[in-house]
């Protein structure tokens, strides 16, 4: 018994259209989606009266997917939190890009902000964090050299 492969990350959002547009604008592709409701949904997430909509987006190579979910009921009245990158729990998702400078220019033109700045990580990657809708953090990484140990 072992994990076979990475499948997806689930991201709960309030504005499904804005979150979907954000990831499509980064170059991901829409794979599918639709409504989620019924007894099976209530049981798997341990909530009553689940009515949700979801959109699945994937990287162009098809190896990574995000499941973006908007719960219509029950709702989360606390709202999104603009948590710092050191907050415990899942904090960001990372994507490899082929031209980091062009991508940074692109997201800045869209009015998005970098969390910090573009840095060179051990001459392996140039990378940065971008804050998207509802406080979501995305790492963009451009390979610039061989991976350590290769």
C-alpha atoms as a PDB file:
ATOM      1  CA  UNK A   1       0.000   0.000   0.000  1.00  0.00           C
ATOM      2  CA  UNK A   2       1.419   3.389  -1.044  1.00  0.00           C
ATOM      3  CA  UNK A   3       0.399   6.735  -2.466  1.00  0.00           C
ATOM      4  CA  UNK A   4       0.486   6.386  -6.254  1.00  0.00           C
ATOM      5  CA  UNK A   5       0.561  10.023  -7.404  1.00  0.00           C
ATOM      6  CA  UNK A   6      -0.420  13.541  -6.496  1.00  0.00           C
ATOM      7  CA  UNK A   7      -3.962  14.253  -7.685  1.00  0.00           C
ATOM      8  CA  UNK A   8      -5.141  17.736  -6.660  1.00  0.00           C
ATOM      9  CA  UNK A   9      -5.380  20.426  -3.998  1.00  0.00           C
ATOM     10  CA  UNK A  10      -8.770  21.708  -2.891  1.00  0.00           C
ATOM     11  CA  UNK A  11      -9.173  25.446  -2.437  1.00  0.00           C
ATOM     12  CA  UNK A  12     -12.352  26.863  -0.890  1.00  0.00           C
ATOM     13  CA  UNK A  13     -13.196  30.340  -2.172  1.00  0.00           C
ATOM     14  CA  UNK A  14     -16.032  32.813  -1.865  1.00  0.00           C
ATOM     15  CA  UNK A  15     -15.781  34.236  -5.386  1.00  0.00           C
ATOM     16  CA  UNK A  16     -15.464  31.211  -7.659  1.00  0.00           C
ATOM     17  CA  UNK A  17     -15.422  33.312 -10.821  1.00  0.00           C
ATOM     18  CA  UNK A  18     -12.563  35.534  -9.584  1.00  0.00           C
ATOM     19  CA  UNK A  19     -10.493  32.565  -8.370  1.00  0.00           C
ATOM     20  CA  UNK A  20     -11.063  30.693 -11.626  1.00  0.00           C
ATOM     21  CA  UNK A  21     -10.115  33.756 -13.677  1.00  0.00           C
ATOM     22  CA  UNK A  22      -6.944  34.216 -11.578  1.00  0.00           C
ATOM     23  CA  UNK A  23      -5.684  30.696 -12.263  1.00  0.00           C
ATOM     24  CA  UNK A  24      -6.720  30.745 -15.929  1.00  0.00           C
ATOM     25  CA  UNK A  25      -4.869  34.050 -16.273  1.00  0.00           C
ATOM     26  CA  UNK A  26      -1.730  32.360 -14.917  1.00  0.00           C
ATOM     27  CA  UNK A  27      -2.004  29.833 -17.750  1.00  0.00           C
ATOM     28  CA  UNK A  28      -3.858  26.938 -16.159  1.00  0.00           C
ATOM     29  CA  UNK A  29      -6.638  25.312 -18.156  1.00  0.00           C
ATOM     30  CA  UNK A  30     -10.195  24.573 -17.092  1.00  0.00           C
ATOM     31  CA  UNK A  31     -10.732  20.829 -16.862  1.00  0.00           C
ATOM     32  CA  UNK A  32     -14.300  20.603 -15.604  1.00  0.00           C
ATOM     33  CA  UNK A  33     -16.594  21.295 -12.726  1.00  0.00           C
ATOM     34  CA  UNK A  34     -20.195  21.528 -11.690  1.00  0.00           C
ATOM     35  CA  UNK A  35     -22.521  21.383  -8.721  1.00  0.00           C
ATOM     36  CA  UNK A  36     -21.864  19.239  -5.657  1.00  0.00           C
ATOM     37  CA  UNK A  37     -24.677  18.296  -3.313  1.00  0.00           C
ATOM     38  CA  UNK A  38     -26.452  15.396  -1.732  1.00  0.00           C
ATOM     39  CA  UNK A  39     -26.034  12.954   1.120  1.00  0.00           C
ATOM     40  CA  UNK A  40     -22.648  11.701  -0.118  1.00  0.00           C
ATOM     41  CA  UNK A  41     -21.265  15.270  -0.080  1.00  0.00           C
ATOM     42  CA  UNK A  42     -22.615  15.869   3.431  1.00  0.00           C
ATOM     43  CA  UNK A  43     -21.008  12.650   4.658  1.00  0.00           C
ATOM     44  CA  UNK A  44     -17.569  13.136   3.115  1.00  0.00           C
ATOM     45  CA  UNK A  45     -17.095  16.684   4.486  1.00  0.00           C
ATOM     46  CA  UNK A  46     -19.147  16.143   7.694  1.00  0.00           C
ATOM     47  CA  UNK A  47     -21.456  19.098   7.048  1.00  0.00           C
ATOM     48  CA  UNK A  48     -25.243  19.176   6.643  1.00  0.00           C
ATOM     49  CA  UNK A  49     -26.973  20.580   3.572  1.00  0.00           C
ATOM     50  CA  UNK A  50     -23.946  20.935   1.309  1.00  0.00           C
ATOM     51  CA  UNK A  51     -24.662  22.830  -1.897  1.00  0.00           C
ATOM     52  CA  UNK A  52     -21.434  23.790  -3.636  1.00  0.00           C
ATOM     53  CA  UNK A  53     -20.065  24.621  -7.058  1.00  0.00           C
ATOM     54  CA  UNK A  54     -16.615  23.595  -8.161  1.00  0.00           C
ATOM     55  CA  UNK A  55     -14.231  24.226 -10.995  1.00  0.00           C
ATOM     56  CA  UNK A  56     -11.178  22.076 -11.688  1.00  0.00           C
ATOM     57  CA  UNK A  57      -8.176  23.740 -13.325  1.00  0.00           C
ATOM     58  CA  UNK A  58      -4.977  22.001 -14.351  1.00  0.00           C
ATOM     59  CA  UNK A  59      -1.494  22.808 -15.508  1.00  0.00           C
ATOM     60  CA  UNK A  60      -0.901  22.557 -19.240  1.00  0.00           C
ATOM     61  CA  UNK A  61       1.022  19.297 -18.810  1.00  0.00           C
ATOM     62  CA  UNK A  62      -1.941  17.823 -16.893  1.00  0.00           C
ATOM     63  CA  UNK A  63       0.183  16.760 -13.917  1.00  0.00           C
ATOM     64  CA  UNK A  64      -1.297  19.114 -11.299  1.00  0.00           C
ATOM     65  CA  UNK A  65      -4.859  20.168 -10.616  1.00  0.00           C
ATOM     66  CA  UNK A  66      -6.664  22.556  -8.307  1.00  0.00           C
ATOM     67  CA  UNK A  67     -10.258  21.991  -7.246  1.00  0.00           C
ATOM     68  CA  UNK A  68     -11.786  25.415  -6.599  1.00  0.00           C
ATOM     69  CA  UNK A  69     -14.958  25.147  -4.494  1.00  0.00           C
ATOM     70  CA  UNK A  70     -17.612  27.697  -3.540  1.00  0.00           C
ATOM     71  CA  UNK A  71     -19.910  26.495  -0.729  1.00  0.00           C
ATOM     72  CA  UNK A  72     -23.350  28.035  -1.197  1.00  0.00           C
ATOM     73  CA  UNK A  73     -24.543  26.219   1.945  1.00  0.00           C
ATOM     74  CA  UNK A  74     -23.407  25.980   4.606  1.00  0.00           C
ATOM     75  CA  UNK A  75     -21.493  29.243   4.365  1.00  0.00           C
ATOM     76  CA  UNK A  76     -18.351  30.320   6.162  1.00  0.00           C
ATOM     77  CA  UNK A  77     -19.188  33.608   7.844  1.00  0.00           C
ATOM     78  CA  UNK A  78     -15.585  34.275   8.914  1.00  0.00           C
ATOM     79  CA  UNK A  79     -14.511  35.105   5.358  1.00  0.00           C
ATOM     80  CA  UNK A  80     -11.089  34.792   3.767  1.00  0.00           C
ATOM     81  CA  UNK A  81      -8.026  35.472   5.856  1.00  0.00           C
ATOM     82  CA  UNK A  82      -5.012  37.281   4.473  1.00  0.00           C
ATOM     83  CA  UNK A  83      -2.630  35.056   6.404  1.00  0.00           C
ATOM     84  CA  UNK A  84       1.129  35.566   6.408  1.00  0.00           C
ATOM     85  CA  UNK A  85       3.246  32.929   4.684  1.00  0.00           C
ATOM     86  CA  UNK A  86       4.402  31.479   8.026  1.00  0.00           C
ATOM     87  CA  UNK A  87       0.877  30.622   9.273  1.00  0.00           C
ATOM     88  CA  UNK A  88       0.533  26.928  10.072  1.00  0.00           C
ATOM     89  CA  UNK A  89      -1.248  24.782   7.497  1.00  0.00           C
ATOM     90  CA  UNK A  90      -1.299  24.671   3.714  1.00  0.00           C
ATOM     91  CA  UNK A  91      -0.069  28.099   2.738  1.00  0.00           C
ATOM     92  CA  UNK A  92       0.753  28.214  -0.969  1.00  0.00           C
ATOM     93  CA  UNK A  93       0.834  26.300  -4.214  1.00  0.00           C
ATOM     94  CA  UNK A  94       3.836  26.492  -6.557  1.00  0.00           C
ATOM     95  CA  UNK A  95       3.997  26.474 -10.347  1.00  0.00           C
ATOM     96  CA  UNK A  96       7.017  26.271 -12.611  1.00  0.00           C
ATOM     97  CA  UNK A  97       7.025  28.983 -15.277  1.00  0.00           C
ATOM     98  CA  UNK A  98       9.217  29.458 -18.344  1.00  0.00           C
ATOM     99  CA  UNK A  99       9.697  33.245 -18.033  1.00  0.00           C
ATOM    100  CA  UNK A 100       9.381  34.653 -14.521  1.00  0.00           C
ATOM    101  CA  UNK A 101       9.972  38.280 -15.533  1.00  0.00           C
ATOM    102  CA  UNK A 102       7.172  38.145 -18.097  1.00  0.00           C
ATOM    103  CA  UNK A 103       4.868  36.455 -15.595  1.00  0.00           C
ATOM    104  CA  UNK A 104       5.619  39.049 -12.894  1.00  0.00           C
ATOM    105  CA  UNK A 105       4.935  41.857 -15.387  1.00  0.00           C
ATOM    106  CA  UNK A 106       1.705  40.100 -16.359  1.00  0.00           C
ATOM    107  CA  UNK A 107       0.369  39.735 -12.806  1.00  0.00           C
ATOM    108  CA  UNK A 108       1.368  43.298 -11.893  1.00  0.00           C
ATOM    109  CA  UNK A 109      -0.548  44.617 -14.925  1.00  0.00           C
ATOM    110  CA  UNK A 110      -3.538  42.735 -13.546  1.00  0.00           C
ATOM    111  CA  UNK A 111      -3.206  44.669 -10.269  1.00  0.00           C
ATOM    112  CA  UNK A 112      -1.858  41.752  -8.245  1.00  0.00           C
ATOM    113  CA  UNK A 113       0.942  42.174  -5.749  1.00  0.00           C
ATOM    114  CA  UNK A 114       4.043  40.189  -4.911  1.00  0.00           C
ATOM    115  CA  UNK A 115       4.252  39.049  -1.303  1.00  0.00           C
ATOM    116  CA  UNK A 116       7.968  39.838  -1.172  1.00  0.00           C
ATOM    117  CA  UNK A 117      10.363  40.139  -4.077  1.00  0.00           C
ATOM    118  CA  UNK A 118      11.848  38.018  -6.846  1.00  0.00           C
ATOM    119  CA  UNK A 119      14.841  36.066  -5.520  1.00  0.00           C
ATOM    120  CA  UNK A 120      17.444  33.641  -6.818  1.00  0.00           C
ATOM    121  CA  UNK A 121      17.344  30.384  -4.858  1.00  0.00           C
ATOM    122  CA  UNK A 122      20.802  28.763  -4.943  1.00  0.00           C
ATOM    123  CA  UNK A 123      21.143  29.308  -8.709  1.00  0.00           C
ATOM    124  CA  UNK A 124      18.467  26.638  -9.174  1.00  0.00           C
ATOM    125  CA  UNK A 125      15.303  28.757  -9.360  1.00  0.00           C
ATOM    126  CA  UNK A 126      14.308  32.383  -9.616  1.00  0.00           C
ATOM    127  CA  UNK A 127      11.081  32.629  -7.678  1.00  0.00           C
ATOM    128  CA  UNK A 128       8.503  34.843  -6.040  1.00  0.00           C
ATOM    129  CA  UNK A 129       5.176  34.676  -4.236  1.00  0.00           C
ATOM    130  CA  UNK A 130       2.070  36.362  -5.671  1.00  0.00           C
ATOM    131  CA  UNK A 131      -1.032  37.087  -3.615  1.00  0.00           C
ATOM    132  CA  UNK A 132      -4.220  36.336  -5.533  1.00  0.00           C
ATOM    133  CA  UNK A 133      -7.907  36.756  -4.755  1.00  0.00           C
ATOM    134  CA  UNK A 134      -9.040  36.087  -1.191  1.00  0.00           C
ATOM    135  CA  UNK A 135      -5.456  35.994   0.075  1.00  0.00           C
ATOM    136  CA  UNK A 136      -4.398  32.918  -1.933  1.00  0.00           C
ATOM    137  CA  UNK A 137      -0.622  32.682  -2.315  1.00  0.00           C
ATOM    138  CA  UNK A 138       0.963  31.267  -5.469  1.00  0.00           C
ATOM    139  CA  UNK A 139       4.686  30.672  -5.884  1.00  0.00           C
ATOM    140  CA  UNK A 140       6.062  31.158  -9.382  1.00  0.00           C
ATOM    141  CA  UNK A 141       9.409  29.487 -10.043  1.00  0.00           C
ATOM    142  CA  UNK A 142      11.629  29.601 -13.131  1.00  0.00           C
ATOM    143  CA  UNK A 143      14.413  26.994 -13.335  1.00  0.00           C
ATOM    144  CA  UNK A 144      17.795  28.613 -13.929  1.00  0.00           C
ATOM    145  CA  UNK A 145      20.222  25.783 -13.207  1.00  0.00           C
ATOM    146  CA  UNK A 146      20.515  22.133 -12.259  1.00  0.00           C
ATOM    147  CA  UNK A 147      18.609  20.913  -9.224  1.00  0.00           C
ATOM    148  CA  UNK A 148      20.767  20.314  -6.135  1.00  0.00           C
ATOM    149  CA  UNK A 149      22.252  16.824  -6.111  1.00  0.00           C
ATOM    150  CA  UNK A 150      21.876  16.277  -9.865  1.00  0.00           C
END
